[in-house]
Amino acid sequence: MLRRSALKPRKQNSHRADAWKRCDPFLKWLRGRPCYLADKGGCAGDIVAAHFDPWGDKGTSTKVSDQAAFPLCGGHGGHHAEQHSIGWDSFQKKYDFDGRDVVTAYWLAWLEGTQMGRDWARKQEEAA
């Protein structure tokens, strides 16, 4: 028999504490790019925003900042699944890249190279 508590909805974290880390327009833009490793082959599935933790801002029970994300294919057998199975260090060594450089390049390309990014940055400055 199930306990009553097993059927109650789980209480969700408000995520207000890490709201400053979120940037949905950037993630949407990333999902419209090809997989970062498309030229290496083996891509599978839709593109997802893979979050890398170059600055150590993850914290307990929170995601890494959205600005530290880049596009990887996310299907079964895709690069995102591979990264999860072997870990960031091995993944970077296998494909010979530095995640810090990659996430910085994508963030700056969006922030400075798109109207959406420039608008977002302006709104952040106005809110500060």
N, C-alpha and C. Protein backbone atom coordinates (compact mmCIF):
# COMPACT_ATOMS: atom_id res chain seq x y z
N MET A 1 0.83 -1.19 0.00
CA MET A 1 0.00 0.00 0.00
C MET A 1 0.88 1.26 0.00
N LEU A 2 0.45 2.23 -0.73
CA LEU A 2 1.17 3.51 -0.76
C LEU A 2 0.77 4.37 0.42
N ARG A 3 1.75 5.08 0.93
CA ARG A 3 1.45 6.07 1.98
C ARG A 3 0.76 7.27 1.32
N ARG A 4 0.00 8.00 2.07
CA ARG A 4 -0.66 9.20 1.53
C ARG A 4 0.34 10.19 0.96
N SER A 5 1.46 10.32 1.62
CA SER A 5 2.47 11.29 1.18
C SER A 5 3.02 10.95 -0.21
N ALA A 6 2.93 9.70 -0.62
CA ALA A 6 3.44 9.30 -1.93
C ALA A 6 2.61 9.88 -3.07
N LEU A 7 1.39 10.25 -2.80
CA LEU A 7 0.48 10.74 -3.83
C LEU A 7 0.37 12.26 -3.86
N LYS A 8 0.93 12.92 -2.86
CA LYS A 8 0.89 14.38 -2.83
C LYS A 8 1.88 14.94 -3.84
N PRO A 9 1.56 16.08 -4.46
CA PRO A 9 2.52 16.71 -5.37
C PRO A 9 3.79 17.10 -4.60
N ARG A 10 4.91 16.97 -5.27
CA ARG A 10 6.18 17.34 -4.67
C ARG A 10 6.27 18.85 -4.58
N LYS A 11 6.75 19.36 -3.48
CA LYS A 11 6.92 20.80 -3.31
C LYS A 11 8.13 21.24 -4.13
N GLN A 12 7.91 22.14 -5.06
CA GLN A 12 8.96 22.61 -5.95
C GLN A 12 9.73 23.76 -5.32
N ASN A 13 11.03 23.78 -5.56
CA ASN A 13 11.86 24.89 -5.17
C ASN A 13 11.45 26.10 -6.02
N SER A 14 11.38 27.26 -5.43
CA SER A 14 10.96 28.46 -6.18
C SER A 14 12.00 28.88 -7.20
N HIS A 15 13.25 28.51 -7.02
CA HIS A 15 14.37 28.87 -7.89
C HIS A 15 14.62 30.38 -7.93
N ARG A 16 14.05 31.11 -6.98
CA ARG A 16 14.29 32.56 -6.96
C ARG A 16 15.73 32.87 -6.62
N ALA A 17 16.34 32.02 -5.80
CA ALA A 17 17.71 32.27 -5.36
C ALA A 17 18.69 32.29 -6.53
N ASP A 18 18.39 31.52 -7.57
CA ASP A 18 19.32 31.50 -8.70
C ASP A 18 18.70 32.10 -9.96
N ALA A 19 17.71 32.97 -9.80
CA ALA A 19 17.07 33.59 -10.96
C ALA A 19 18.06 34.41 -11.79
N TRP A 20 19.08 34.96 -11.15
CA TRP A 20 20.08 35.75 -11.86
C TRP A 20 20.89 34.90 -12.83
N LYS A 21 20.85 33.60 -12.67
CA LYS A 21 21.60 32.70 -13.54
C LYS A 21 20.83 32.32 -14.80
N ARG A 22 19.57 32.65 -14.88
CA ARG A 22 18.71 32.21 -15.99
C ARG A 22 18.71 33.22 -17.12
N CYS A 23 18.71 32.71 -18.34
CA CYS A 23 18.59 33.56 -19.53
C CYS A 23 17.92 32.72 -20.63
N ASP A 24 16.61 32.60 -20.54
CA ASP A 24 15.85 31.78 -21.49
C ASP A 24 16.05 32.18 -22.95
N PRO A 25 16.13 33.48 -23.27
CA PRO A 25 16.35 33.83 -24.69
C PRO A 25 17.66 33.27 -25.24
N PHE A 26 18.69 33.24 -24.43
CA PHE A 26 19.97 32.69 -24.86
C PHE A 26 19.85 31.18 -25.10
N LEU A 27 19.18 30.48 -24.18
CA LEU A 27 19.01 29.03 -24.35
C LEU A 27 18.22 28.71 -25.61
N LYS A 28 17.20 29.52 -25.88
CA LYS A 28 16.41 29.32 -27.10
C LYS A 28 17.29 29.52 -28.34
N TRP A 29 18.10 30.54 -28.32
CA TRP A 29 19.01 30.82 -29.43
C TRP A 29 19.99 29.66 -29.61
N LEU A 30 20.54 29.15 -28.50
CA LEU A 30 21.48 28.03 -28.57
C LEU A 30 20.85 26.81 -29.23
N ARG A 31 19.61 26.52 -28.87
CA ARG A 31 18.94 25.33 -29.42
C ARG A 31 18.69 25.45 -30.92
N GLY A 32 18.87 26.63 -31.47
CA GLY A 32 18.74 26.83 -32.91
C GLY A 32 20.07 26.72 -33.65
N ARG A 33 21.16 26.50 -32.93
CA ARG A 33 22.48 26.33 -33.53
C ARG A 33 22.73 24.83 -33.76
N PRO A 34 23.69 24.50 -34.62
CA PRO A 34 24.07 23.09 -34.77
C PRO A 34 24.86 22.61 -33.55
N CYS A 35 24.95 21.33 -33.38
CA CYS A 35 25.76 20.74 -32.32
C CYS A 35 27.20 21.26 -32.45
N TYR A 36 27.79 21.64 -31.35
CA TYR A 36 29.16 22.14 -31.37
C TYR A 36 30.11 21.12 -31.99
N LEU A 37 29.83 19.86 -31.84
CA LEU A 37 30.70 18.80 -32.35
C LEU A 37 30.18 18.17 -33.63
N ALA A 38 29.33 18.87 -34.36
CA ALA A 38 28.75 18.32 -35.59
C ALA A 38 29.81 17.90 -36.59
N ASP A 39 30.91 18.62 -36.65
CA ASP A 39 31.96 18.26 -37.60
C ASP A 39 32.72 16.99 -37.18
N LYS A 40 32.51 16.53 -35.96
CA LYS A 40 33.15 15.30 -35.48
C LYS A 40 32.30 14.07 -35.78
N GLY A 41 31.04 14.28 -36.23
CA GLY A 41 30.14 13.17 -36.54
C GLY A 41 29.49 12.59 -35.30
N GLY A 42 28.60 11.66 -35.53
CA GLY A 42 27.93 10.98 -34.43
C GLY A 42 26.82 11.75 -33.77
N CYS A 43 26.30 12.77 -34.43
CA CYS A 43 25.22 13.56 -33.83
C CYS A 43 23.90 12.79 -33.88
N ALA A 44 23.12 12.98 -32.83
CA ALA A 44 21.83 12.31 -32.74
C ALA A 44 20.85 13.17 -31.96
N GLY A 45 19.66 13.33 -32.49
CA GLY A 45 18.59 14.01 -31.75
C GLY A 45 18.62 15.51 -31.84
N ASP A 46 17.70 16.10 -31.09
CA ASP A 46 17.55 17.55 -31.05
C ASP A 46 18.72 18.19 -30.32
N ILE A 47 18.89 19.46 -30.54
CA ILE A 47 19.94 20.22 -29.88
C ILE A 47 19.46 20.64 -28.50
N VAL A 48 20.34 20.47 -27.52
CA VAL A 48 20.06 20.91 -26.15
C VAL A 48 21.17 21.86 -25.72
N ALA A 49 20.86 22.66 -24.70
CA ALA A 49 21.86 23.56 -24.13
C ALA A 49 22.59 22.80 -23.03
N ALA A 50 23.83 22.42 -23.30
CA ALA A 50 24.65 21.70 -22.33
C ALA A 50 25.31 22.71 -21.39
N HIS A 51 25.05 22.58 -20.10
CA HIS A 51 25.60 23.50 -19.12
C HIS A 51 26.95 23.00 -18.62
N PHE A 52 27.95 23.83 -18.75
CA PHE A 52 29.32 23.55 -18.32
C PHE A 52 29.58 24.43 -17.10
N ASP A 53 30.39 23.99 -16.15
CA ASP A 53 30.62 24.77 -14.93
C ASP A 53 32.06 25.29 -14.86
N PRO A 54 32.40 26.28 -15.69
CA PRO A 54 33.78 26.76 -15.70
C PRO A 54 34.13 27.66 -14.54
N TRP A 55 33.15 28.28 -13.90
CA TRP A 55 33.42 29.26 -12.86
C TRP A 55 33.02 28.77 -11.48
N GLY A 56 32.52 27.56 -11.37
CA GLY A 56 32.17 27.01 -10.07
C GLY A 56 31.00 27.70 -9.40
N ASP A 57 30.04 28.21 -10.17
CA ASP A 57 28.89 28.91 -9.57
C ASP A 57 27.65 28.04 -9.45
N LYS A 58 27.81 26.75 -9.62
CA LYS A 58 26.66 25.87 -9.63
C LYS A 58 25.89 25.92 -8.32
N GLY A 59 26.51 25.64 -7.21
CA GLY A 59 25.82 25.62 -5.92
C GLY A 59 25.02 24.35 -5.74
N THR A 60 24.53 24.14 -4.54
CA THR A 60 23.76 22.95 -4.21
C THR A 60 22.36 23.04 -4.78
N SER A 61 21.94 22.02 -5.46
CA SER A 61 20.58 21.91 -6.03
C SER A 61 20.25 23.01 -7.02
N THR A 62 21.23 23.56 -7.69
CA THR A 62 20.97 24.56 -8.72
C THR A 62 21.75 24.19 -9.97
N LYS A 63 21.33 24.75 -11.08
CA LYS A 63 22.05 24.56 -12.34
C LYS A 63 23.15 25.60 -12.45
N VAL A 64 24.03 25.35 -13.37
CA VAL A 64 25.06 26.31 -13.72
C VAL A 64 24.39 27.48 -14.43
N SER A 65 25.02 28.63 -14.45
CA SER A 65 24.49 29.79 -15.16
C SER A 65 24.23 29.45 -16.62
N ASP A 66 23.14 29.97 -17.14
CA ASP A 66 22.81 29.73 -18.55
C ASP A 66 23.88 30.29 -19.48
N GLN A 67 24.57 31.33 -19.06
CA GLN A 67 25.60 31.90 -19.93
C GLN A 67 26.78 30.94 -20.11
N ALA A 68 26.81 29.85 -19.33
CA ALA A 68 27.86 28.84 -19.46
C ALA A 68 27.31 27.59 -20.14
N ALA A 69 26.56 27.80 -21.21
CA ALA A 69 25.98 26.68 -21.94
C ALA A 69 26.38 26.76 -23.41
N PHE A 70 26.37 25.62 -24.07
CA PHE A 70 26.62 25.58 -25.50
C PHE A 70 25.84 24.42 -26.11
N PRO A 71 25.62 24.43 -27.42
CA PRO A 71 24.74 23.44 -28.03
C PRO A 71 25.41 22.09 -28.28
N LEU A 72 24.73 21.05 -27.83
CA LEU A 72 25.14 19.68 -28.12
C LEU A 72 23.90 18.90 -28.54
N CYS A 73 24.09 17.89 -29.37
CA CYS A 73 22.96 17.05 -29.74
C CYS A 73 22.58 16.21 -28.53
N GLY A 74 21.28 16.07 -28.31
CA GLY A 74 20.83 15.48 -27.06
C GLY A 74 20.15 14.14 -27.15
N GLY A 75 20.08 13.55 -28.31
CA GLY A 75 19.41 12.26 -28.43
C GLY A 75 20.21 11.12 -27.83
N HIS A 76 19.57 9.95 -27.77
CA HIS A 76 20.25 8.75 -27.28
C HIS A 76 21.47 8.49 -28.16
N GLY A 77 22.63 8.43 -27.55
CA GLY A 77 23.85 8.24 -28.32
C GLY A 77 24.45 9.54 -28.82
N GLY A 78 23.83 10.68 -28.51
CA GLY A 78 24.34 11.98 -28.92
C GLY A 78 25.45 12.46 -28.00
N HIS A 79 26.02 13.59 -28.35
CA HIS A 79 27.15 14.12 -27.60
C HIS A 79 26.80 14.51 -26.17
N HIS A 80 25.59 15.02 -25.93
CA HIS A 80 25.22 15.40 -24.57
C HIS A 80 25.14 14.17 -23.68
N ALA A 81 24.57 13.09 -24.19
CA ALA A 81 24.50 11.84 -23.43
C ALA A 81 25.90 11.30 -23.17
N GLU A 82 26.77 11.39 -24.17
CA GLU A 82 28.15 10.94 -24.00
C GLU A 82 28.85 11.75 -22.92
N GLN A 83 28.66 13.05 -22.94
CA GLN A 83 29.29 13.91 -21.93
C GLN A 83 28.86 13.48 -20.54
N HIS A 84 27.57 13.21 -20.36
CA HIS A 84 27.08 12.79 -19.05
C HIS A 84 27.68 11.45 -18.64
N SER A 85 27.91 10.57 -19.59
CA SER A 85 28.41 9.25 -19.24
C SER A 85 29.91 9.24 -18.93
N ILE A 86 30.70 10.12 -19.55
CA ILE A 86 32.15 10.09 -19.31
C ILE A 86 32.66 11.27 -18.49
N GLY A 87 31.85 12.28 -18.26
CA GLY A 87 32.27 13.43 -17.47
C GLY A 87 32.94 14.50 -18.33
N TRP A 88 32.93 15.74 -17.79
CA TRP A 88 33.44 16.87 -18.56
C TRP A 88 34.93 16.75 -18.88
N ASP A 89 35.74 16.34 -17.93
CA ASP A 89 37.19 16.28 -18.18
C ASP A 89 37.51 15.34 -19.34
N SER A 90 36.97 14.13 -19.28
CA SER A 90 37.23 13.15 -20.36
C SER A 90 36.65 13.61 -21.68
N PHE A 91 35.46 14.22 -21.63
CA PHE A 91 34.79 14.70 -22.84
C PHE A 91 35.62 15.77 -23.54
N GLN A 92 36.14 16.72 -22.77
CA GLN A 92 36.97 17.79 -23.34
C GLN A 92 38.27 17.23 -23.93
N LYS A 93 38.86 16.28 -23.23
CA LYS A 93 40.10 15.67 -23.74
C LYS A 93 39.83 14.90 -25.02
N LYS A 94 38.74 14.14 -25.04
CA LYS A 94 38.43 13.33 -26.23
C LYS A 94 38.25 14.20 -27.46
N TYR A 95 37.54 15.32 -27.32
CA TYR A 95 37.24 16.18 -28.47
C TYR A 95 38.16 17.40 -28.58
N ASP A 96 39.16 17.46 -27.70
CA ASP A 96 40.20 18.48 -27.75
C ASP A 96 39.65 19.91 -27.79
N PHE A 97 38.96 20.29 -26.73
CA PHE A 97 38.49 21.67 -26.60
C PHE A 97 38.48 22.05 -25.13
N ASP A 98 38.44 23.35 -24.87
CA ASP A 98 38.34 23.88 -23.52
C ASP A 98 36.95 24.48 -23.38
N GLY A 99 36.14 23.90 -22.53
CA GLY A 99 34.76 24.35 -22.35
C GLY A 99 34.63 25.81 -21.99
N ARG A 100 35.60 26.34 -21.24
CA ARG A 100 35.56 27.76 -20.87
C ARG A 100 35.59 28.65 -22.11
N ASP A 101 36.45 28.31 -23.05
CA ASP A 101 36.54 29.09 -24.28
C ASP A 101 35.27 28.97 -25.11
N VAL A 102 34.72 27.77 -25.15
CA VAL A 102 33.53 27.51 -25.97
C VAL A 102 32.32 28.26 -25.42
N VAL A 103 32.05 28.14 -24.12
CA VAL A 103 30.86 28.82 -23.57
C VAL A 103 31.01 30.33 -23.66
N THR A 104 32.22 30.83 -23.47
CA THR A 104 32.44 32.27 -23.58
C THR A 104 32.18 32.76 -25.00
N ALA A 105 32.65 31.99 -25.98
CA ALA A 105 32.45 32.38 -27.39
C ALA A 105 30.97 32.41 -27.75
N TYR A 106 30.20 31.40 -27.33
CA TYR A 106 28.77 31.39 -27.64
C TYR A 106 28.05 32.53 -26.94
N TRP A 107 28.36 32.77 -25.65
CA TRP A 107 27.70 33.84 -24.91
C TRP A 107 27.96 35.20 -25.57
N LEU A 108 29.21 35.46 -25.92
CA LEU A 108 29.53 36.75 -26.54
C LEU A 108 28.94 36.87 -27.94
N ALA A 109 28.89 35.78 -28.68
CA ALA A 109 28.28 35.82 -30.02
C ALA A 109 26.81 36.19 -29.91
N TRP A 110 26.12 35.67 -28.90
CA TRP A 110 24.70 36.01 -28.72
C TRP A 110 24.54 37.42 -28.17
N LEU A 111 25.30 37.73 -27.12
CA LEU A 111 25.17 39.00 -26.42
C LEU A 111 25.51 40.20 -27.31
N GLU A 112 26.57 40.07 -28.09
CA GLU A 112 27.03 41.18 -28.91
C GLU A 112 26.61 41.07 -30.37
N GLY A 113 26.27 39.85 -30.80
CA GLY A 113 26.01 39.64 -32.22
C GLY A 113 24.56 39.51 -32.61
N THR A 114 23.65 39.59 -31.64
CA THR A 114 22.22 39.50 -31.97
C THR A 114 21.48 40.65 -31.31
N GLN A 115 20.42 41.07 -31.95
CA GLN A 115 19.59 42.12 -31.36
C GLN A 115 18.96 41.64 -30.06
N MET A 116 18.57 40.39 -30.03
CA MET A 116 17.98 39.80 -28.83
C MET A 116 18.96 39.89 -27.65
N GLY A 117 20.22 39.59 -27.90
CA GLY A 117 21.24 39.65 -26.86
C GLY A 117 21.49 41.07 -26.39
N ARG A 118 21.56 42.00 -27.33
CA ARG A 118 21.78 43.40 -26.95
C ARG A 118 20.59 43.94 -26.15
N ASP A 119 19.38 43.56 -26.55
CA ASP A 119 18.18 43.98 -25.80
C ASP A 119 18.19 43.43 -24.38
N TRP A 120 18.55 42.16 -24.26
CA TRP A 120 18.60 41.52 -22.94
C TRP A 120 19.62 42.22 -22.05
N ALA A 121 20.81 42.51 -22.59
CA ALA A 121 21.85 43.18 -21.82
C ALA A 121 21.39 44.57 -21.36
N ARG A 122 20.72 45.29 -22.25
CA ARG A 122 20.22 46.61 -21.89
C ARG A 122 19.21 46.52 -20.75
N LYS A 123 18.32 45.54 -20.80
CA LYS A 123 17.32 45.37 -19.73
C LYS A 123 18.00 45.02 -18.41
N GLN A 124 19.07 44.24 -18.44
CA GLN A 124 19.80 43.89 -17.23
C GLN A 124 20.44 45.14 -16.62
N GLU A 125 20.99 45.99 -17.47
CA GLU A 125 21.62 47.22 -16.98
C GLU A 125 20.58 48.14 -16.37
N GLU A 126 19.41 48.24 -17.00
CA GLU A 126 18.36 49.11 -16.48
C GLU A 126 17.82 48.61 -15.15
N ALA A 127 17.79 47.30 -14.97
CA ALA A 127 17.27 46.71 -13.74
C ALA A 127 18.26 46.83 -12.57
N ALA A 128 19.52 47.01 -12.90
CA ALA A 128 20.57 47.06 -11.83
C ALA A 128 20.60 48.38 -11.10
